[in-house]
N, C-alpha and C. Protein backbone atom coordinates (compact mmCIF):
# COMPACT_ATOMS: atom_id res chain seq x y z
N MET A 1 12.25 54.02 6.46
CA MET A 1 11.28 53.68 7.31
C MET A 1 11.23 54.49 8.24
N SER A 2 9.78 54.89 8.57
CA SER A 2 9.40 55.64 9.53
C SER A 2 9.48 55.34 10.86
N SER A 3 9.49 55.60 12.16
CA SER A 3 9.73 55.52 12.99
C SER A 3 8.37 54.58 13.83
N ALA A 4 7.27 55.38 13.25
CA ALA A 4 5.88 54.63 13.79
C ALA A 4 5.47 53.28 13.02
N ARG A 5 6.30 53.54 11.69
CA ARG A 5 6.03 52.06 11.03
C ARG A 5 7.06 51.03 11.60
N GLY A 6 8.30 51.44 12.08
CA GLY A 6 8.95 50.42 12.31
C GLY A 6 8.55 49.86 13.62
N GLN A 7 8.10 50.66 14.82
CA GLN A 7 7.49 50.43 15.98
C GLN A 7 6.24 49.23 15.91
N TRP A 8 5.58 49.88 14.82
CA TRP A 8 4.25 48.96 14.35
C TRP A 8 4.95 47.61 14.31
N MET A 9 5.80 47.35 13.38
CA MET A 9 6.25 46.23 12.75
C MET A 9 6.98 45.32 13.81
N MET A 10 7.64 46.19 14.88
CA MET A 10 8.18 45.37 15.50
C MET A 10 7.05 44.58 16.77
N ARG A 11 6.25 45.48 17.11
CA ARG A 11 5.11 44.91 17.95
C ARG A 11 4.46 43.98 17.08
N GLN A 12 3.90 43.86 16.08
CA GLN A 12 3.63 42.62 15.22
C GLN A 12 4.61 41.49 15.19
N ALA A 13 5.75 41.59 15.53
CA ALA A 13 6.97 40.64 15.13
C ALA A 13 6.73 39.97 16.95
N ARG A 14 6.81 40.83 17.72
CA ARG A 14 6.69 40.19 18.95
C ARG A 14 5.32 39.68 19.56
N GLY A 15 4.32 39.80 18.57
CA GLY A 15 2.97 39.20 18.63
C GLY A 15 3.19 37.70 18.07
N MET A 16 3.62 37.76 17.02
CA MET A 16 3.50 36.62 16.30
C MET A 16 4.43 35.41 17.18
N THR A 17 5.51 36.27 17.52
CA THR A 17 6.35 35.20 18.34
C THR A 17 5.73 34.79 19.39
N LEU A 18 4.95 35.48 20.39
CA LEU A 18 4.27 35.01 21.36
C LEU A 18 3.12 34.25 21.38
N MET A 19 2.28 34.37 20.14
CA MET A 19 1.39 33.51 19.76
C MET A 19 2.02 31.87 19.25
N LEU A 20 3.31 32.08 18.35
CA LEU A 20 3.95 31.01 18.18
C LEU A 20 4.33 29.86 19.43
N GLY A 21 4.89 30.55 20.03
CA GLY A 21 5.22 29.98 21.52
C GLY A 21 4.26 29.53 22.21
N LEU A 22 2.83 29.90 22.27
CA LEU A 22 1.68 29.57 23.01
C LEU A 22 1.27 28.36 22.22
N ILE A 23 1.40 28.15 20.74
CA ILE A 23 0.97 27.26 20.22
C ILE A 23 1.75 26.10 20.49
N SER A 24 2.95 26.14 20.31
CA SER A 24 3.82 25.02 20.46
C SER A 24 3.78 24.22 21.59
N PHE A 25 3.21 24.97 22.85
CA PHE A 25 3.23 24.84 24.05
C PHE A 25 2.04 24.24 24.49
N SER A 26 0.90 24.22 23.76
CA SER A 26 -0.51 24.20 24.02
C SER A 26 -0.59 22.55 24.45
N PRO A 27 -1.90 21.68 25.30
CA PRO A 27 -1.73 20.93 25.39
C PRO A 27 -2.02 19.80 24.44
N SER A 28 -2.77 20.46 23.33
CA SER A 28 -3.08 19.70 22.35
C SER A 28 -2.01 19.20 21.55
N SER A 29 -0.85 20.07 21.23
CA SER A 29 0.40 19.89 20.66
C SER A 29 1.35 18.80 21.55
N GLN A 30 1.56 19.14 22.54
CA GLN A 30 1.99 18.32 23.31
C GLN A 30 1.70 17.09 23.47
N GLY A 31 0.24 16.79 23.56
CA GLY A 31 -0.15 15.16 23.41
C GLY A 31 0.05 14.77 21.97
N ALA A 32 -0.01 15.23 21.03
CA ALA A 32 0.41 14.88 19.81
C ALA A 32 1.77 14.53 19.56
N GLN A 33 2.72 15.17 20.32
CA GLN A 33 4.36 14.99 20.37
C GLN A 33 4.26 13.82 21.08
N ALA A 34 3.58 13.52 22.11
CA ALA A 34 3.94 12.46 23.09
C ALA A 34 3.35 11.17 22.48
N LYS A 35 2.25 11.03 21.80
CA LYS A 35 1.67 10.08 21.22
C LYS A 35 2.59 10.01 19.56
N GLN A 36 3.35 8.60 19.82
CA GLN A 36 3.79 8.54 18.27
C GLN A 36 3.08 7.41 17.87
N SER A 37 2.76 7.48 16.28
CA SER A 37 2.16 6.46 15.56
C SER A 37 3.07 5.61 15.06
N PRO A 38 2.61 4.06 15.15
CA PRO A 38 3.90 3.06 14.74
C PRO A 38 4.26 3.29 13.48
N PRO A 39 5.20 2.42 13.27
CA PRO A 39 6.24 2.98 11.81
C PRO A 39 5.26 2.36 10.54
N ALA A 40 5.04 2.98 9.54
CA ALA A 40 4.32 2.86 8.51
C ALA A 40 5.06 1.33 7.91
N PRO A 41 4.00 0.41 7.40
CA PRO A 41 4.16 -1.18 7.04
C PRO A 41 5.76 -0.83 6.19
N ASP A 42 6.77 -1.72 5.87
CA ASP A 42 7.59 -1.77 4.78
C ASP A 42 8.22 -2.77 4.30
N ASN A 43 7.58 -2.78 2.78
CA ASN A 43 7.65 -4.04 2.22
C ASN A 43 8.85 -4.06 1.41
N SER A 44 9.87 -3.15 1.86
CA SER A 44 11.41 -2.77 0.93
C SER A 44 12.14 -4.14 0.76
N ARG A 45 12.14 -4.82 1.95
CA ARG A 45 12.77 -6.24 1.76
C ARG A 45 12.10 -7.28 0.93
N ALA A 46 10.81 -7.36 1.54
CA ALA A 46 10.11 -8.24 -0.01
C ALA A 46 10.08 -7.82 -1.39
N ASN A 47 10.36 -6.58 -1.61
CA ASN A 47 9.98 -6.06 -2.78
C ASN A 47 11.36 -6.11 -3.35
N ALA A 48 12.47 -6.21 -2.84
CA ALA A 48 13.66 -6.11 -3.07
C ALA A 48 14.15 -7.32 -3.98
N SER A 49 13.71 -8.55 -3.62
CA SER A 49 13.95 -9.97 -4.20
C SER A 49 13.33 -9.46 -6.00
N ALA A 50 11.96 -8.92 -6.07
CA ALA A 50 11.27 -8.98 -7.32
C ALA A 50 12.64 -8.02 -8.12
N HIS A 51 12.68 -7.00 -7.63
CA HIS A 51 13.81 -6.17 -8.49
C HIS A 51 14.69 -6.68 -8.74
N ALA A 52 15.61 -7.19 -7.73
CA ALA A 52 16.75 -7.57 -8.06
C ALA A 52 17.13 -8.79 -9.16
N THR A 53 16.04 -9.70 -9.39
CA THR A 53 15.90 -10.36 -10.43
C THR A 53 15.29 -10.01 -11.66
N SER A 54 14.98 -10.74 -12.67
CA SER A 54 14.55 -10.43 -13.92
C SER A 54 13.11 -10.75 -14.02
N GLN A 55 12.46 -11.03 -12.74
CA GLN A 55 10.92 -11.23 -12.53
C GLN A 55 10.15 -10.27 -13.04
N VAL A 56 8.76 -10.63 -13.76
CA VAL A 56 7.76 -9.45 -14.02
C VAL A 56 7.42 -9.04 -12.59
N THR A 57 7.32 -7.76 -12.70
CA THR A 57 6.56 -6.80 -11.70
C THR A 57 5.56 -6.19 -12.41
N ALA A 58 4.68 -5.54 -11.52
CA ALA A 58 3.49 -4.85 -11.90
C ALA A 58 3.82 -3.72 -12.74
N ASP A 59 5.18 -3.18 -12.39
CA ASP A 59 5.47 -1.71 -13.26
C ASP A 59 5.86 -2.40 -14.78
N ASN A 60 6.16 -3.68 -15.24
CA ASN A 60 6.93 -4.09 -16.32
C ASN A 60 6.21 -5.01 -16.82
N GLN A 61 4.76 -5.32 -16.50
CA GLN A 61 4.17 -6.59 -17.15
C GLN A 61 3.55 -6.13 -18.40
N SER A 62 2.99 -7.28 -19.02
CA SER A 62 2.28 -7.16 -20.22
C SER A 62 1.13 -6.02 -20.32
N ASP A 63 0.88 -5.33 -21.35
CA ASP A 63 0.03 -4.45 -21.24
C ASP A 63 -1.08 -4.84 -22.32
N ARG A 64 -1.13 -6.10 -22.99
CA ARG A 64 -1.64 -6.25 -23.88
C ARG A 64 -3.41 -6.69 -23.09
N LYS A 65 -4.19 -6.47 -24.48
CA LYS A 65 -5.58 -6.34 -23.69
C LYS A 65 -6.06 -7.49 -23.26
N ALA A 66 -5.92 -8.68 -23.50
CA ALA A 66 -5.99 -9.72 -22.91
C ALA A 66 -5.62 -10.23 -21.45
N ASP A 67 -4.00 -9.79 -21.66
CA ASP A 67 -3.62 -10.02 -20.24
C ASP A 67 -4.50 -8.84 -18.91
N VAL A 68 -4.50 -7.41 -19.54
CA VAL A 68 -5.06 -6.28 -18.84
C VAL A 68 -6.43 -7.02 -18.25
N GLU A 69 -7.36 -7.88 -19.09
CA GLU A 69 -9.18 -8.28 -19.14
C GLU A 69 -8.95 -9.15 -17.97
N LEU A 70 -7.77 -10.17 -18.31
CA LEU A 70 -7.45 -11.43 -17.40
C LEU A 70 -7.40 -10.99 -15.99
N ILE A 71 -6.35 -9.96 -15.72
CA ILE A 71 -6.37 -9.63 -14.20
C ILE A 71 -7.20 -8.89 -13.93
N SER A 72 -7.97 -8.00 -14.99
CA SER A 72 -9.34 -7.26 -14.03
C SER A 72 -10.18 -8.33 -13.57
N LYS A 73 -10.63 -9.20 -14.27
CA LYS A 73 -11.52 -10.35 -13.79
C LYS A 73 -11.15 -11.32 -12.50
N ILE A 74 -9.71 -11.46 -12.32
CA ILE A 74 -9.50 -11.93 -11.20
C ILE A 74 -9.31 -11.06 -10.05
N ARG A 75 -8.99 -9.51 -10.28
CA ARG A 75 -9.14 -8.78 -9.09
C ARG A 75 -10.41 -8.60 -8.64
N ARG A 76 -11.09 -8.16 -9.66
CA ARG A 76 -12.95 -7.97 -9.20
C ARG A 76 -13.32 -9.53 -8.80
N SER A 77 -12.92 -10.43 -8.95
CA SER A 77 -13.37 -11.61 -8.33
C SER A 77 -12.72 -11.39 -6.97
N LEU A 78 -11.76 -11.25 -6.73
CA LEU A 78 -10.85 -11.59 -5.34
C LEU A 78 -11.72 -10.27 -4.22
N VAL A 79 -11.93 -9.53 -5.07
CA VAL A 79 -12.37 -8.32 -4.01
C VAL A 79 -13.79 -8.07 -3.67
N THR A 80 -14.70 -8.74 -4.71
CA THR A 80 -16.22 -8.79 -3.90
C THR A 80 -16.34 -10.35 -3.22
N ASP A 81 -15.12 -11.07 -3.03
CA ASP A 81 -15.57 -12.22 -2.25
C ASP A 81 -15.06 -11.38 -0.84
N LYS A 82 -16.04 -11.42 -0.17
CA LYS A 82 -16.13 -10.93 1.51
C LYS A 82 -15.35 -11.90 2.48
N SER A 83 -15.56 -13.37 1.96
CA SER A 83 -14.84 -14.17 2.87
C SER A 83 -13.21 -14.31 3.08
N LEU A 84 -12.66 -13.39 1.91
CA LEU A 84 -11.18 -13.36 1.90
C LEU A 84 -10.61 -11.91 2.69
N SER A 85 -9.54 -12.39 3.15
CA SER A 85 -9.10 -11.08 4.14
C SER A 85 -8.81 -9.77 3.01
N THR A 86 -8.28 -8.62 3.54
CA THR A 86 -7.52 -7.73 3.04
C THR A 86 -6.15 -8.14 2.16
N TYR A 87 -5.73 -8.83 3.01
CA TYR A 87 -4.39 -9.67 2.67
C TYR A 87 -4.69 -10.12 1.06
N ALA A 88 -5.69 -10.85 0.79
CA ALA A 88 -5.90 -11.97 -0.12
C ALA A 88 -6.63 -11.13 -1.27
N HIS A 89 -7.16 -9.91 -0.71
CA HIS A 89 -7.67 -8.83 -1.45
C HIS A 89 -6.70 -7.94 -2.34
N ASN A 90 -5.35 -8.08 -1.45
CA ASN A 90 -4.16 -6.77 -2.22
C ASN A 90 -3.12 -7.99 -2.70
N ILE A 91 -3.46 -9.00 -3.07
CA ILE A 91 -2.24 -9.79 -4.07
C ILE A 91 -1.55 -9.01 -4.88
N LYS A 92 -0.63 -9.47 -5.16
CA LYS A 92 -0.12 -9.00 -6.86
C LYS A 92 -0.94 -10.18 -7.55
N ILE A 93 -1.05 -9.49 -8.69
CA ILE A 93 -1.75 -10.11 -9.96
C ILE A 93 -0.98 -9.97 -11.21
N LEU A 94 0.20 -10.65 -11.82
CA LEU A 94 0.55 -10.31 -13.12
C LEU A 94 0.28 -11.30 -13.92
N ALA A 95 0.16 -10.96 -15.19
CA ALA A 95 -0.21 -11.73 -16.58
C ALA A 95 0.58 -11.34 -17.52
N GLU A 96 0.87 -12.31 -18.16
CA GLU A 96 1.80 -12.14 -19.33
C GLU A 96 1.95 -13.36 -20.48
N GLY A 97 1.30 -13.14 -21.56
CA GLY A 97 0.88 -14.02 -22.37
C GLY A 97 -0.07 -15.12 -21.97
N GLY A 98 -1.13 -14.54 -21.45
CA GLY A 98 -2.15 -15.80 -20.51
C GLY A 98 -1.52 -16.65 -19.05
N GLN A 99 -0.35 -16.47 -19.09
CA GLN A 99 0.31 -16.61 -17.69
C GLN A 99 0.20 -16.15 -16.83
N VAL A 100 -0.78 -16.60 -15.14
CA VAL A 100 -1.01 -15.71 -14.37
C VAL A 100 0.06 -16.17 -13.18
N ARG A 101 0.60 -15.10 -12.82
CA ARG A 101 1.47 -14.98 -11.53
C ARG A 101 0.82 -14.67 -10.35
N LEU A 102 0.95 -15.13 -9.04
CA LEU A 102 0.06 -14.70 -8.04
C LEU A 102 0.92 -14.29 -6.75
N LYS A 103 1.21 -13.17 -6.33
CA LYS A 103 2.24 -12.87 -5.31
C LYS A 103 1.51 -12.41 -4.10
N GLY A 104 2.41 -12.43 -3.02
CA GLY A 104 2.05 -11.71 -1.63
C GLY A 104 1.24 -12.85 -0.63
N PRO A 105 1.10 -11.99 0.60
CA PRO A 105 0.73 -12.74 1.62
C PRO A 105 -0.86 -12.92 1.65
N VAL A 106 -1.21 -14.18 1.84
CA VAL A 106 -2.32 -14.39 2.73
C VAL A 106 -2.59 -15.30 3.80
N ARG A 107 -3.62 -14.82 4.57
CA ARG A 107 -4.02 -15.25 5.95
C ARG A 107 -3.88 -16.93 5.91
N SER A 108 -4.28 -17.83 5.27
CA SER A 108 -4.10 -19.09 5.88
C SER A 108 -4.01 -20.19 4.39
N ALA A 109 -3.88 -21.49 4.85
CA ALA A 109 -3.51 -22.20 3.59
C ALA A 109 -5.09 -22.38 3.00
N HIS A 110 -6.12 -22.23 3.60
CA HIS A 110 -7.50 -22.16 3.02
C HIS A 110 -7.63 -20.98 1.92
N GLU A 111 -7.65 -19.94 2.24
CA GLU A 111 -7.17 -18.69 1.63
C GLU A 111 -6.41 -18.87 0.64
N LYS A 112 -5.30 -19.44 0.48
CA LYS A 112 -4.49 -19.43 -0.24
C LYS A 112 -5.21 -20.18 -1.58
N GLN A 113 -5.54 -21.48 -1.20
CA GLN A 113 -6.41 -22.42 -2.13
C GLN A 113 -7.19 -21.65 -2.69
N MET A 114 -8.35 -20.98 -1.85
CA MET A 114 -9.24 -20.22 -2.51
C MET A 114 -8.84 -19.07 -3.64
N VAL A 115 -7.84 -18.57 -3.35
CA VAL A 115 -7.48 -17.44 -4.51
C VAL A 115 -6.79 -18.07 -5.70
N GLU A 116 -6.03 -19.23 -5.36
CA GLU A 116 -5.33 -19.98 -6.51
C GLU A 116 -6.57 -20.53 -7.23
N ASP A 117 -7.95 -20.90 -6.76
CA ASP A 117 -8.62 -21.72 -7.37
C ASP A 117 -9.53 -20.69 -8.17
N LEU A 118 -10.04 -19.32 -7.82
CA LEU A 118 -10.24 -18.41 -8.43
C LEU A 118 -9.51 -17.88 -9.92
N ALA A 119 -8.00 -17.86 -9.37
CA ALA A 119 -7.32 -17.52 -10.32
C ALA A 119 -7.34 -18.47 -11.67
N LYS A 120 -7.31 -19.79 -11.23
CA LYS A 120 -7.54 -21.00 -12.21
C LYS A 120 -8.79 -20.75 -12.97
N ARG A 121 -10.02 -20.46 -12.56
CA ARG A 121 -11.00 -20.38 -13.18
C ARG A 121 -11.02 -19.44 -14.28
N PHE A 122 -10.24 -18.55 -14.15
CA PHE A 122 -10.23 -17.44 -15.17
C PHE A 122 -9.39 -17.65 -16.07
N ALA A 123 -7.68 -18.09 -15.42
CA ALA A 123 -6.87 -18.32 -16.49
C ALA A 123 -6.37 -20.05 -17.16
N GLY A 124 -7.12 -20.80 -15.91
CA GLY A 124 -6.89 -22.22 -16.80
C GLY A 124 -6.13 -22.88 -15.93
N GLN A 125 -6.22 -24.30 -15.77
CA GLN A 125 -5.73 -24.83 -14.33
C GLN A 125 -3.98 -24.55 -14.69
N ARG A 126 -3.61 -25.02 -15.68
CA ARG A 126 -2.17 -25.07 -15.73
C ARG A 126 -1.54 -23.84 -16.39
N HIS A 127 -2.23 -22.50 -16.10
CA HIS A 127 -1.84 -21.31 -16.44
C HIS A 127 -1.68 -20.54 -15.42
N VAL A 128 -1.27 -20.95 -13.84
CA VAL A 128 -1.43 -20.01 -12.84
C VAL A 128 0.06 -20.49 -11.95
N ASN A 129 0.62 -19.59 -11.80
CA ASN A 129 2.07 -20.23 -11.05
C ASN A 129 1.84 -19.21 -9.69
N SER A 130 1.42 -19.96 -8.25
CA SER A 130 1.36 -19.14 -6.96
C SER A 130 2.70 -18.93 -6.20
N GLU A 131 2.82 -17.73 -6.21
CA GLU A 131 4.03 -17.23 -5.15
C GLU A 131 3.49 -17.00 -4.01
N LEU A 132 2.14 -17.11 -3.53
CA LEU A 132 1.64 -16.88 -2.23
C LEU A 132 2.39 -17.07 -1.06
N THR A 133 1.97 -16.60 -0.10
CA THR A 133 2.96 -16.95 1.05
C THR A 133 1.51 -16.61 2.20
N ILE A 134 2.08 -17.54 3.37
CA ILE A 134 0.94 -17.68 4.28
C ILE A 134 1.53 -16.95 5.39
N VAL A 135 0.84 -15.76 5.93
CA VAL A 135 1.12 -14.84 7.29
C VAL A 135 -0.02 -14.71 8.17
N PRO A 136 -0.21 -16.23 9.06
CA PRO A 136 -1.30 -15.77 9.82
C PRO A 136 -1.39 -14.49 10.80
N ALA A 137 -2.72 -13.93 11.11
CA ALA A 137 -2.65 -12.97 11.85
C ALA A 137 -1.99 -13.00 13.21
N HIS A 138 -1.66 -11.91 13.76
CA HIS A 138 -0.77 -12.12 15.11
C HIS A 138 -2.03 -12.06 16.10
């Protein structure tokens, strides 16, 4: 390698090192380091019980057309009901052979009843098993 090319490469490397050093100590990057975001929600413990037993979960439930359509109707009704919380909109709905299982948190007893009634409207009175839990807003 020629000495002129070697000197040019050394200047480029020093310039990059200086630029990286300035970026790492810029006020915007220090502010980002000082502000730590809260930890991401972790449902691991809540989901562990479902995986530890032989319960049906979303990844191994029936894919029969009738079950999929039943879930779709219930989900669509939940999501379009703006009186329900985001928690209620996101509950797990499982169906197998026309039997529906509702899992997850809702914000109140009234909301729990509303979700159960909505599922019963599509699946039938005796075909809904509710495992909904009430978790009030903090």
